């Protein structure tokens, strides 16, 4: 058991190091080399998707038409976990125009091991989270959720292939359901890179 655990840790070190060095990475549809006119014209809308909340309800993304959408992959035991407070404050200040959607994920060094109830209780007790939280998903790999498949597949979103490299990566979708930006883990609502896009 111990060698297997050590092996798993060693395998995850390159991803962790990469996420640290690219923590403030920003990619936009206008700067992407993958954004061809053909891909952009064949892109489907984020509003066609749906997902299941922590309490088991199905939410259709078309209810967010007319608002910008921030999608986060979140975890409770990560160095970036305090960002819950940042995104909650951002949501409270901007909820007339922007929604924040949290998707717990346990794929990065097992930093989100809890049940749906554990996650909900943690978020509300420690950070007062009121933005919509969804059930735990895979954000990459064979069992990737449909939401993250759309976010990371240029044939669906029109340009982006960046998958989350760590917890708290962000995707920005515009009011019409088009993906416009990818932000790495280190970007917060107060980051210059994010403010520039939102202004």
N, C-alpha and C. Protein backbone atom coordinates (compact mmCIF):
# COMPACT_ATOMS: atom_id res chain seq x y z
N UNK A 1 0.82 -1.20 0.00
CA UNK A 1 0.00 0.00 0.00
C UNK A 1 0.86 1.26 0.00
N UNK A 2 1.91 1.25 0.79
CA UNK A 2 2.77 2.43 0.91
C UNK A 2 3.48 2.76 -0.40
N UNK A 3 4.08 1.80 -1.11
CA UNK A 3 4.72 2.12 -2.39
C UNK A 3 3.73 2.69 -3.41
N UNK A 4 2.50 2.17 -3.40
CA UNK A 4 1.49 2.66 -4.34
C UNK A 4 1.15 4.12 -4.05
N UNK A 5 1.05 4.48 -2.77
CA UNK A 5 0.76 5.86 -2.37
C UNK A 5 1.90 6.78 -2.80
N UNK A 6 3.13 6.33 -2.56
CA UNK A 6 4.31 7.11 -2.94
C UNK A 6 4.36 7.30 -4.46
N UNK A 7 4.04 6.24 -5.19
CA UNK A 7 4.01 6.31 -6.64
C UNK A 7 2.98 7.33 -7.12
N UNK A 8 1.81 7.34 -6.51
CA UNK A 8 0.76 8.30 -6.87
C UNK A 8 1.21 9.73 -6.62
N UNK A 9 1.89 9.94 -5.50
CA UNK A 9 2.40 11.29 -5.19
C UNK A 9 3.44 11.72 -6.23
N UNK A 10 4.35 10.81 -6.56
CA UNK A 10 5.39 11.13 -7.55
C UNK A 10 4.78 11.45 -8.91
N UNK A 11 3.73 10.74 -9.29
CA UNK A 11 3.08 11.00 -10.56
C UNK A 11 2.40 12.37 -10.58
N UNK A 12 1.92 12.83 -9.44
CA UNK A 12 1.18 14.10 -9.40
C UNK A 12 2.10 15.32 -9.29
N UNK A 13 3.37 15.12 -8.95
CA UNK A 13 4.29 16.26 -8.78
C UNK A 13 4.43 17.09 -10.06
N UNK A 14 4.61 16.48 -11.25
CA UNK A 14 4.73 17.33 -12.45
C UNK A 14 3.50 18.21 -12.68
N UNK A 15 2.30 17.67 -12.45
CA UNK A 15 1.08 18.47 -12.63
C UNK A 15 1.05 19.62 -11.63
N UNK A 16 1.45 19.35 -10.39
CA UNK A 16 1.46 20.39 -9.36
C UNK A 16 2.46 21.49 -9.71
N UNK A 17 3.67 21.08 -10.12
CA UNK A 17 4.70 22.06 -10.49
C UNK A 17 4.23 22.90 -11.67
N UNK A 18 3.65 22.23 -12.67
CA UNK A 18 3.15 22.94 -13.84
C UNK A 18 2.08 23.94 -13.46
N UNK A 19 1.17 23.55 -12.56
CA UNK A 19 0.10 24.46 -12.15
C UNK A 19 0.66 25.66 -11.40
N UNK A 20 1.73 25.47 -10.66
CA UNK A 20 2.34 26.59 -9.93
C UNK A 20 2.96 27.61 -10.89
N UNK A 21 3.65 27.12 -11.92
CA UNK A 21 4.32 28.03 -12.85
C UNK A 21 3.34 28.69 -13.82
N UNK A 22 2.19 28.08 -14.04
CA UNK A 22 1.18 28.65 -14.94
C UNK A 22 -0.02 29.17 -14.17
N UNK A 23 0.16 29.53 -12.91
CA UNK A 23 -0.96 29.88 -12.04
C UNK A 23 -1.74 31.09 -12.51
N UNK A 24 -1.12 31.98 -13.28
CA UNK A 24 -1.81 33.19 -13.74
C UNK A 24 -2.07 33.18 -15.25
N UNK A 25 -2.03 32.01 -15.84
CA UNK A 25 -2.26 31.87 -17.28
C UNK A 25 -3.67 32.33 -17.65
N UNK A 26 -3.76 33.07 -18.76
CA UNK A 26 -5.04 33.51 -19.30
C UNK A 26 -5.02 33.24 -20.79
N UNK A 27 -6.08 32.60 -21.30
CA UNK A 27 -6.22 32.36 -22.73
C UNK A 27 -7.60 32.86 -23.14
N UNK A 28 -7.67 33.56 -24.26
CA UNK A 28 -8.97 34.05 -24.73
C UNK A 28 -9.24 33.54 -26.13
N UNK A 29 -10.50 33.62 -26.54
CA UNK A 29 -10.87 33.17 -27.88
C UNK A 29 -10.15 34.00 -28.94
N UNK A 30 -9.86 35.26 -28.65
CA UNK A 30 -9.19 36.12 -29.64
C UNK A 30 -7.69 35.83 -29.72
N UNK A 31 -7.09 35.26 -28.67
CA UNK A 31 -5.65 34.98 -28.70
C UNK A 31 -5.33 33.52 -28.99
N UNK A 32 -6.33 32.66 -29.02
CA UNK A 32 -6.10 31.24 -29.22
C UNK A 32 -5.72 30.92 -30.66
N UNK A 33 -4.71 30.06 -30.82
CA UNK A 33 -4.32 29.62 -32.16
C UNK A 33 -5.26 28.52 -32.67
N UNK A 34 -6.09 27.96 -31.78
CA UNK A 34 -7.05 26.92 -32.17
C UNK A 34 -8.34 27.50 -32.73
N UNK A 35 -8.55 28.80 -32.59
CA UNK A 35 -9.82 29.43 -32.97
C UNK A 35 -9.87 29.69 -34.47
N UNK A 36 -10.29 28.70 -35.25
CA UNK A 36 -10.45 28.88 -36.69
C UNK A 36 -11.88 29.31 -36.97
N UNK A 37 -12.12 30.00 -38.08
CA UNK A 37 -13.50 30.40 -38.41
C UNK A 37 -14.45 29.21 -38.47
N UNK A 38 -13.97 28.07 -38.99
CA UNK A 38 -14.82 26.89 -39.09
C UNK A 38 -15.22 26.39 -37.70
N UNK A 39 -14.24 26.29 -36.79
CA UNK A 39 -14.55 25.85 -35.42
C UNK A 39 -15.49 26.83 -34.74
N UNK A 40 -15.20 28.12 -34.87
CA UNK A 40 -16.02 29.13 -34.19
C UNK A 40 -17.47 29.08 -34.68
N UNK A 41 -17.65 28.86 -35.98
CA UNK A 41 -19.02 28.86 -36.52
C UNK A 41 -19.78 27.59 -36.16
N UNK A 42 -19.05 26.50 -35.87
CA UNK A 42 -19.73 25.24 -35.53
C UNK A 42 -19.90 25.05 -34.02
N UNK A 43 -19.44 26.01 -33.23
CA UNK A 43 -19.53 25.88 -31.77
C UNK A 43 -20.98 25.83 -31.31
N UNK A 44 -21.22 25.00 -30.30
CA UNK A 44 -22.55 24.94 -29.69
C UNK A 44 -22.57 25.86 -28.47
N UNK A 45 -23.74 26.13 -27.96
CA UNK A 45 -23.89 27.05 -26.83
C UNK A 45 -23.78 26.31 -25.49
N UNK A 46 -23.13 26.95 -24.54
CA UNK A 46 -23.08 26.43 -23.17
C UNK A 46 -24.49 26.28 -22.62
N UNK A 47 -25.40 27.11 -23.09
CA UNK A 47 -26.78 27.09 -22.60
C UNK A 47 -27.52 25.80 -22.95
N UNK A 48 -26.96 24.98 -23.83
CA UNK A 48 -27.59 23.69 -24.18
C UNK A 48 -27.32 22.61 -23.13
N UNK A 49 -26.41 22.88 -22.20
CA UNK A 49 -25.99 21.89 -21.21
C UNK A 49 -26.86 21.91 -19.97
N UNK A 50 -26.72 20.87 -19.17
CA UNK A 50 -27.34 20.83 -17.83
C UNK A 50 -26.38 20.09 -16.91
N UNK A 51 -26.59 20.25 -15.61
CA UNK A 51 -25.75 19.58 -14.61
C UNK A 51 -26.57 19.37 -13.35
N UNK A 52 -26.07 18.50 -12.48
CA UNK A 52 -26.78 18.15 -11.24
C UNK A 52 -26.14 18.86 -10.06
N UNK A 53 -26.96 19.49 -9.24
CA UNK A 53 -26.48 20.23 -8.07
C UNK A 53 -26.10 19.27 -6.95
N UNK A 54 -25.47 19.82 -5.91
CA UNK A 54 -25.09 19.02 -4.74
C UNK A 54 -26.29 18.34 -4.09
N UNK A 55 -27.46 18.97 -4.20
CA UNK A 55 -28.65 18.36 -3.58
C UNK A 55 -29.49 17.55 -4.58
N UNK A 56 -28.89 17.22 -5.73
CA UNK A 56 -29.52 16.29 -6.66
C UNK A 56 -30.50 16.87 -7.66
N UNK A 57 -30.57 18.18 -7.77
CA UNK A 57 -31.49 18.82 -8.72
C UNK A 57 -30.78 19.04 -10.06
N UNK A 58 -31.51 18.85 -11.15
CA UNK A 58 -30.95 19.12 -12.48
C UNK A 58 -31.15 20.59 -12.82
N UNK A 59 -30.07 21.23 -13.22
CA UNK A 59 -30.11 22.65 -13.59
C UNK A 59 -29.75 22.78 -15.06
N UNK A 60 -30.62 23.43 -15.82
CA UNK A 60 -30.34 23.71 -17.22
C UNK A 60 -29.61 25.04 -17.32
N UNK A 61 -28.51 25.04 -18.06
CA UNK A 61 -27.70 26.26 -18.17
C UNK A 61 -28.41 27.37 -18.94
N UNK A 62 -29.49 27.04 -19.64
CA UNK A 62 -30.19 28.10 -20.37
C UNK A 62 -30.88 29.09 -19.45
N UNK A 63 -31.02 28.74 -18.17
CA UNK A 63 -31.60 29.70 -17.23
C UNK A 63 -30.65 30.88 -16.97
N UNK A 64 -29.40 30.74 -17.39
CA UNK A 64 -28.42 31.81 -17.19
C UNK A 64 -28.23 32.68 -18.43
N UNK A 65 -29.07 32.51 -19.44
CA UNK A 65 -28.98 33.36 -20.63
C UNK A 65 -29.06 34.82 -20.22
N UNK A 66 -28.23 35.64 -20.84
CA UNK A 66 -28.23 37.07 -20.54
C UNK A 66 -27.27 37.46 -19.42
N UNK A 67 -26.62 36.46 -18.81
CA UNK A 67 -25.63 36.73 -17.76
C UNK A 67 -24.29 36.10 -18.14
N UNK A 68 -23.21 36.70 -17.66
CA UNK A 68 -21.91 36.06 -17.79
C UNK A 68 -21.84 34.92 -16.78
N UNK A 69 -21.09 33.89 -17.11
CA UNK A 69 -20.98 32.71 -16.26
C UNK A 69 -19.50 32.43 -15.98
N UNK A 70 -19.17 32.26 -14.70
CA UNK A 70 -17.83 31.83 -14.30
C UNK A 70 -17.96 30.38 -13.81
N UNK A 71 -17.22 29.47 -14.43
CA UNK A 71 -17.22 28.07 -14.02
C UNK A 71 -15.89 27.77 -13.34
N UNK A 72 -15.97 27.24 -12.11
CA UNK A 72 -14.78 26.92 -11.31
C UNK A 72 -14.75 25.44 -10.98
N UNK A 73 -13.59 24.80 -11.05
CA UNK A 73 -13.45 23.47 -10.45
C UNK A 73 -12.85 23.67 -9.06
N UNK A 74 -13.55 23.23 -8.04
CA UNK A 74 -13.21 23.59 -6.66
C UNK A 74 -12.83 22.37 -5.82
N UNK A 75 -12.16 22.64 -4.70
CA UNK A 75 -11.76 21.60 -3.75
C UNK A 75 -11.61 22.20 -2.36
N UNK A 76 -11.90 21.40 -1.35
CA UNK A 76 -11.91 21.87 0.04
C UNK A 76 -10.57 21.81 0.75
N UNK A 77 -9.63 21.05 0.20
CA UNK A 77 -8.34 20.85 0.89
C UNK A 77 -7.16 21.28 0.02
N UNK A 78 -7.29 22.43 -0.58
CA UNK A 78 -6.30 22.92 -1.54
C UNK A 78 -5.76 24.26 -1.06
N UNK A 79 -4.55 24.59 -1.47
CA UNK A 79 -4.00 25.89 -1.14
C UNK A 79 -4.82 27.04 -1.72
N UNK A 80 -5.58 26.75 -2.78
CA UNK A 80 -6.43 27.77 -3.39
C UNK A 80 -7.83 27.82 -2.79
N UNK A 81 -8.14 26.94 -1.84
CA UNK A 81 -9.48 26.88 -1.26
C UNK A 81 -9.97 28.23 -0.73
N UNK A 82 -9.12 29.08 -0.14
CA UNK A 82 -9.61 30.40 0.31
C UNK A 82 -10.22 31.25 -0.80
N UNK A 83 -10.00 30.87 -2.06
CA UNK A 83 -10.65 31.59 -3.15
C UNK A 83 -12.17 31.50 -3.09
N UNK A 84 -12.70 30.51 -2.38
CA UNK A 84 -14.15 30.46 -2.18
C UNK A 84 -14.65 31.82 -1.70
N UNK A 85 -13.94 32.42 -0.75
CA UNK A 85 -14.36 33.71 -0.19
C UNK A 85 -14.31 34.80 -1.26
N UNK A 86 -13.26 34.79 -2.09
CA UNK A 86 -13.13 35.78 -3.17
C UNK A 86 -14.28 35.68 -4.17
N UNK A 87 -14.58 34.45 -4.57
CA UNK A 87 -15.63 34.26 -5.58
C UNK A 87 -17.01 34.49 -5.00
N UNK A 88 -17.20 34.20 -3.71
CA UNK A 88 -18.47 34.51 -3.07
C UNK A 88 -18.69 36.02 -3.01
N UNK A 89 -17.66 36.77 -2.63
CA UNK A 89 -17.76 38.24 -2.58
C UNK A 89 -18.03 38.80 -3.98
N UNK A 90 -17.34 38.27 -4.97
CA UNK A 90 -17.55 38.71 -6.35
C UNK A 90 -18.99 38.44 -6.78
N UNK A 91 -19.48 37.25 -6.46
CA UNK A 91 -20.85 36.88 -6.82
C UNK A 91 -21.86 37.81 -6.16
N UNK A 92 -21.70 38.05 -4.87
CA UNK A 92 -22.64 38.92 -4.15
C UNK A 92 -22.68 40.33 -4.76
N UNK A 93 -21.53 40.81 -5.16
CA UNK A 93 -21.43 42.16 -5.71
C UNK A 93 -22.00 42.26 -7.13
N UNK A 94 -21.94 41.15 -7.88
CA UNK A 94 -22.27 41.20 -9.31
C UNK A 94 -23.40 40.28 -9.74
N UNK A 95 -24.18 39.72 -8.81
CA UNK A 95 -25.12 38.66 -9.18
C UNK A 95 -26.25 39.08 -10.11
N UNK A 96 -26.44 40.36 -10.33
CA UNK A 96 -27.43 40.80 -11.31
C UNK A 96 -26.95 40.50 -12.73
N UNK A 97 -25.63 40.47 -12.92
CA UNK A 97 -25.05 40.32 -14.26
C UNK A 97 -24.20 39.07 -14.46
N UNK A 98 -23.78 38.44 -13.37
CA UNK A 98 -22.84 37.31 -13.45
C UNK A 98 -23.28 36.20 -12.49
N UNK A 99 -23.12 34.95 -12.93
CA UNK A 99 -23.32 33.81 -12.03
C UNK A 99 -21.99 33.08 -11.88
N UNK A 100 -21.79 32.48 -10.72
CA UNK A 100 -20.61 31.67 -10.44
C UNK A 100 -21.10 30.25 -10.20
N UNK A 101 -20.49 29.29 -10.89
CA UNK A 101 -20.88 27.89 -10.77
C UNK A 101 -19.67 27.08 -10.30
N UNK A 102 -19.81 26.39 -9.16
CA UNK A 102 -18.72 25.60 -8.60
C UNK A 102 -18.91 24.11 -8.86
N UNK A 103 -17.87 23.47 -9.36
CA UNK A 103 -17.89 22.03 -9.63
C UNK A 103 -16.78 21.36 -8.83
N UNK A 104 -17.12 20.74 -7.69
CA UNK A 104 -16.10 20.03 -6.90
C UNK A 104 -15.46 18.92 -7.73
N UNK A 105 -14.17 18.71 -7.50
CA UNK A 105 -13.42 17.69 -8.23
C UNK A 105 -12.35 17.11 -7.31
N UNK A 106 -12.19 15.80 -7.36
CA UNK A 106 -11.21 15.12 -6.51
C UNK A 106 -10.02 14.59 -7.31
N UNK A 107 -9.79 15.12 -8.51
CA UNK A 107 -8.75 14.58 -9.39
C UNK A 107 -7.35 15.12 -9.13
N UNK A 108 -7.23 16.15 -8.30
CA UNK A 108 -5.92 16.75 -8.06
C UNK A 108 -5.46 16.44 -6.64
N UNK A 109 -4.69 15.36 -6.53
CA UNK A 109 -4.15 14.86 -5.25
C UNK A 109 -5.24 14.60 -4.21
N UNK A 110 -6.43 14.22 -4.64
CA UNK A 110 -7.50 13.84 -3.72
C UNK A 110 -7.91 14.94 -2.77
N UNK A 111 -7.93 16.20 -3.25
CA UNK A 111 -8.18 17.33 -2.36
C UNK A 111 -9.67 17.67 -2.17
N UNK A 112 -10.55 16.83 -2.77
CA UNK A 112 -11.99 16.98 -2.51
C UNK A 112 -12.60 15.61 -2.28
N UNK A 113 -12.28 14.98 -1.12
CA UNK A 113 -12.73 13.62 -0.86
C UNK A 113 -14.15 13.50 -0.30
N UNK A 114 -14.73 14.60 0.14
CA UNK A 114 -15.99 14.56 0.88
C UNK A 114 -17.21 14.22 0.04
N UNK A 115 -18.29 13.89 0.75
CA UNK A 115 -19.59 13.64 0.12
C UNK A 115 -20.23 14.98 -0.25
N UNK A 116 -21.35 14.91 -0.95
CA UNK A 116 -22.08 16.14 -1.32
C UNK A 116 -22.44 16.93 -0.07
N UNK A 117 -22.91 16.24 0.98
CA UNK A 117 -23.26 16.93 2.23
C UNK A 117 -22.04 17.56 2.89
N UNK A 118 -20.92 16.84 2.89
CA UNK A 118 -19.68 17.37 3.46
C UNK A 118 -19.25 18.65 2.74
N UNK A 119 -19.31 18.61 1.42
CA UNK A 119 -18.89 19.76 0.61
C UNK A 119 -19.79 20.96 0.87
N UNK A 120 -21.10 20.71 0.85
CA UNK A 120 -22.05 21.81 1.07
C UNK A 120 -21.86 22.44 2.45
N UNK A 121 -21.72 21.60 3.45
CA UNK A 121 -21.53 22.10 4.82
C UNK A 121 -20.23 22.88 4.94
N UNK A 122 -19.16 22.37 4.36
CA UNK A 122 -17.86 23.04 4.41
C UNK A 122 -17.95 24.43 3.76
N UNK A 123 -18.54 24.48 2.58
CA UNK A 123 -18.61 25.76 1.84
C UNK A 123 -19.46 26.79 2.58
N UNK A 124 -20.58 26.37 3.13
CA UNK A 124 -21.45 27.32 3.81
C UNK A 124 -20.89 27.75 5.16
N UNK A 125 -20.34 26.79 5.91
CA UNK A 125 -19.83 27.10 7.24
C UNK A 125 -18.57 27.97 7.19
N UNK A 126 -17.66 27.68 6.27
CA UNK A 126 -16.38 28.37 6.23
C UNK A 126 -16.35 29.61 5.34
N UNK A 127 -17.18 29.62 4.29
CA UNK A 127 -17.09 30.72 3.33
C UNK A 127 -18.44 31.35 2.99
N UNK A 128 -19.52 30.85 3.58
CA UNK A 128 -20.84 31.42 3.32
C UNK A 128 -21.26 31.34 1.87
N UNK A 129 -20.84 30.28 1.18
CA UNK A 129 -21.10 30.16 -0.26
C UNK A 129 -22.59 30.07 -0.55
N UNK A 130 -23.05 30.97 -1.42
CA UNK A 130 -24.44 30.93 -1.89
C UNK A 130 -24.51 30.76 -3.40
N UNK A 131 -23.36 30.86 -4.10
CA UNK A 131 -23.43 30.60 -5.54
C UNK A 131 -23.67 29.12 -5.77
N UNK A 132 -24.15 28.77 -6.96
CA UNK A 132 -24.59 27.40 -7.24
C UNK A 132 -23.42 26.42 -7.23
N UNK A 133 -23.57 25.38 -6.42
CA UNK A 133 -22.58 24.31 -6.35
C UNK A 133 -23.18 23.04 -6.95
N UNK A 134 -22.37 22.33 -7.72
CA UNK A 134 -22.82 21.13 -8.40
C UNK A 134 -22.16 19.89 -7.81
N UNK A 135 -22.68 18.73 -8.21
CA UNK A 135 -22.12 17.48 -7.70
C UNK A 135 -20.68 17.32 -8.16
N UNK A 136 -19.95 16.50 -7.43
CA UNK A 136 -18.54 16.25 -7.74
C UNK A 136 -18.43 15.62 -9.13
N UNK A 137 -17.47 16.12 -9.92
CA UNK A 137 -17.29 15.64 -11.29
C UNK A 137 -15.82 15.41 -11.59
N UNK A 138 -15.57 14.72 -12.70
CA UNK A 138 -14.24 14.65 -13.28
C UNK A 138 -14.14 15.77 -14.30
N UNK A 139 -13.06 16.54 -14.24
CA UNK A 139 -12.89 17.66 -15.17
C UNK A 139 -11.96 17.30 -16.33
N UNK A 140 -11.42 16.09 -16.30
CA UNK A 140 -10.54 15.61 -17.37
C UNK A 140 -10.61 14.09 -17.37
N UNK A 141 -10.10 13.48 -18.44
CA UNK A 141 -10.03 12.02 -18.50
C UNK A 141 -11.26 11.36 -19.07
N UNK A 142 -11.30 10.04 -18.95
CA UNK A 142 -12.35 9.22 -19.56
C UNK A 142 -13.74 9.52 -19.02
N UNK A 143 -13.84 9.91 -17.76
CA UNK A 143 -15.14 10.17 -17.14
C UNK A 143 -15.45 11.65 -17.03
N UNK A 144 -14.83 12.46 -17.89
CA UNK A 144 -15.03 13.90 -17.88
C UNK A 144 -16.51 14.24 -18.01
N UNK A 145 -16.97 15.16 -17.18
CA UNK A 145 -18.38 15.55 -17.21
C UNK A 145 -18.71 16.27 -18.52
N UNK A 146 -19.97 16.24 -18.96
CA UNK A 146 -20.36 16.94 -20.19
C UNK A 146 -20.03 18.43 -20.16
N UNK A 147 -20.16 19.06 -19.00
CA UNK A 147 -19.84 20.49 -18.90
C UNK A 147 -18.37 20.72 -19.21
N UNK A 148 -17.49 19.92 -18.60
CA UNK A 148 -16.06 20.10 -18.84
C UNK A 148 -15.62 19.58 -20.20
N UNK A 149 -16.35 18.63 -20.75
CA UNK A 149 -16.09 18.21 -22.13
C UNK A 149 -16.33 19.40 -23.06
N UNK A 150 -17.43 20.10 -22.85
CA UNK A 150 -17.73 21.28 -23.68
C UNK A 150 -16.67 22.36 -23.49
N UNK A 151 -16.28 22.61 -22.24
CA UNK A 151 -15.32 23.68 -21.95
C UNK A 151 -13.94 23.42 -22.55
N UNK A 152 -13.59 22.16 -22.78
CA UNK A 152 -12.22 21.80 -23.19
C UNK A 152 -12.12 21.19 -24.59
N UNK A 153 -13.22 21.14 -25.32
CA UNK A 153 -13.23 20.54 -26.65
C UNK A 153 -13.51 21.61 -27.70
N UNK A 154 -12.50 21.99 -28.50
CA UNK A 154 -12.70 23.04 -29.50
C UNK A 154 -13.83 22.76 -30.48
N UNK A 155 -14.13 21.49 -30.74
CA UNK A 155 -15.22 21.18 -31.67
C UNK A 155 -16.58 21.52 -31.07
N UNK A 156 -16.63 21.69 -29.74
CA UNK A 156 -17.88 22.07 -29.09
C UNK A 156 -17.91 23.55 -28.71
N UNK A 157 -16.78 24.07 -28.18
CA UNK A 157 -16.79 25.47 -27.71
C UNK A 157 -16.22 26.45 -28.74
N UNK A 158 -15.63 25.94 -29.81
CA UNK A 158 -15.16 26.79 -30.89
C UNK A 158 -13.68 27.12 -30.88
N UNK A 159 -12.97 26.92 -29.74
CA UNK A 159 -11.56 27.31 -29.74
C UNK A 159 -10.71 26.73 -28.62
N UNK A 160 -11.23 26.45 -27.48
CA UNK A 160 -10.39 26.13 -26.31
C UNK A 160 -10.17 24.64 -26.09
N UNK A 161 -8.90 24.28 -25.82
CA UNK A 161 -8.57 22.90 -25.47
C UNK A 161 -7.90 22.81 -24.10
N UNK A 162 -7.79 23.94 -23.39
CA UNK A 162 -7.15 23.94 -22.07
C UNK A 162 -8.03 23.25 -21.04
N UNK A 163 -7.49 22.16 -20.45
CA UNK A 163 -8.18 21.49 -19.35
C UNK A 163 -7.62 22.04 -18.04
N UNK A 164 -8.37 21.94 -16.95
CA UNK A 164 -7.81 22.40 -15.68
C UNK A 164 -6.52 21.66 -15.34
N UNK A 165 -5.51 22.43 -14.95
CA UNK A 165 -4.24 21.84 -14.55
C UNK A 165 -4.18 21.65 -13.04
N UNK A 166 -5.13 22.26 -12.34
CA UNK A 166 -5.21 22.16 -10.89
C UNK A 166 -6.60 22.64 -10.46
N UNK A 167 -6.84 22.67 -9.16
CA UNK A 167 -8.11 23.18 -8.65
C UNK A 167 -8.22 24.69 -8.90
N UNK A 168 -9.44 25.16 -8.97
CA UNK A 168 -9.77 26.59 -9.10
C UNK A 168 -9.33 27.22 -10.42
N UNK A 169 -9.34 26.44 -11.49
CA UNK A 169 -9.24 27.04 -12.82
C UNK A 169 -10.61 27.61 -13.17
N UNK A 170 -10.63 28.63 -14.02
CA UNK A 170 -11.88 29.32 -14.32
C UNK A 170 -12.11 29.40 -15.82
N UNK A 171 -13.38 29.32 -16.19
CA UNK A 171 -13.81 29.54 -17.58
C UNK A 171 -14.86 30.64 -17.55
N UNK A 172 -14.77 31.57 -18.49
CA UNK A 172 -15.74 32.66 -18.60
C UNK A 172 -16.57 32.45 -19.86
N UNK A 173 -17.88 32.43 -19.67
CA UNK A 173 -18.83 32.28 -20.77
C UNK A 173 -19.63 33.57 -20.86
N UNK A 174 -19.85 34.06 -22.07
CA UNK A 174 -20.57 35.33 -22.20
C UNK A 174 -22.09 35.14 -22.12
N UNK A 175 -22.81 36.24 -22.24
CA UNK A 175 -24.26 36.25 -22.08
C UNK A 175 -25.00 35.40 -23.11
N UNK A 176 -24.32 35.09 -24.22
CA UNK A 176 -24.93 34.29 -25.29
C UNK A 176 -24.50 32.83 -25.27
N UNK A 177 -23.77 32.43 -24.23
CA UNK A 177 -23.36 31.03 -24.11
C UNK A 177 -22.08 30.68 -24.84
N UNK A 178 -21.27 31.71 -25.21
CA UNK A 178 -20.00 31.46 -25.88
C UNK A 178 -18.85 31.54 -24.88
N UNK A 179 -17.95 30.58 -24.96
CA UNK A 179 -16.75 30.59 -24.12
C UNK A 179 -15.81 31.69 -24.61
N UNK A 180 -15.38 32.55 -23.69
CA UNK A 180 -14.50 33.66 -24.10
C UNK A 180 -13.11 33.59 -23.49
N UNK A 181 -12.97 33.03 -22.27
CA UNK A 181 -11.67 33.03 -21.59
C UNK A 181 -11.47 31.80 -20.72
N UNK A 182 -10.21 31.42 -20.57
CA UNK A 182 -9.77 30.44 -19.59
C UNK A 182 -8.76 31.13 -18.68
N UNK A 183 -8.92 30.95 -17.36
CA UNK A 183 -7.99 31.51 -16.37
C UNK A 183 -7.46 30.38 -15.50
N UNK A 184 -6.16 30.37 -15.24
CA UNK A 184 -5.56 29.35 -14.40
C UNK A 184 -5.85 29.60 -12.92
N UNK A 185 -5.40 28.68 -12.09
CA UNK A 185 -5.75 28.65 -10.66
C UNK A 185 -5.46 29.93 -9.90
N UNK A 186 -4.35 30.59 -10.20
CA UNK A 186 -3.94 31.74 -9.41
C UNK A 186 -4.73 33.01 -9.65
N UNK A 187 -5.54 33.03 -10.70
CA UNK A 187 -6.32 34.23 -11.03
C UNK A 187 -7.53 34.33 -10.12
N UNK A 188 -7.73 35.50 -9.52
CA UNK A 188 -8.87 35.77 -8.63
C UNK A 188 -9.67 36.93 -9.20
N UNK A 189 -10.82 37.25 -8.59
CA UNK A 189 -11.59 38.40 -9.07
C UNK A 189 -10.83 39.72 -8.96
N UNK A 190 -9.82 39.76 -8.09
CA UNK A 190 -9.04 40.99 -7.91
C UNK A 190 -7.80 41.04 -8.80
N UNK A 191 -7.53 39.97 -9.54
CA UNK A 191 -6.37 39.95 -10.43
C UNK A 191 -6.57 40.92 -11.59
N UNK A 192 -5.50 41.59 -11.97
CA UNK A 192 -5.57 42.55 -13.08
C UNK A 192 -6.07 41.88 -14.35
N UNK A 193 -5.63 40.64 -14.58
CA UNK A 193 -6.02 39.92 -15.80
C UNK A 193 -7.53 39.73 -15.87
N UNK A 194 -8.12 39.43 -14.71
CA UNK A 194 -9.56 39.19 -14.66
C UNK A 194 -10.33 40.50 -14.75
N UNK A 195 -9.90 41.50 -14.00
CA UNK A 195 -10.58 42.80 -14.01
C UNK A 195 -10.60 43.40 -15.41
N UNK A 196 -9.51 43.25 -16.14
CA UNK A 196 -9.42 43.81 -17.49
C UNK A 196 -10.50 43.22 -18.39
N UNK A 197 -10.74 41.94 -18.26
CA UNK A 197 -11.75 41.25 -19.07
C UNK A 197 -13.16 41.65 -18.66
N UNK A 198 -13.38 41.83 -17.38
CA UNK A 198 -14.73 42.10 -16.88
C UNK A 198 -15.14 43.57 -17.01
N UNK A 199 -14.17 44.47 -17.16
CA UNK A 199 -14.51 45.91 -17.28
C UNK A 199 -15.03 46.25 -18.66
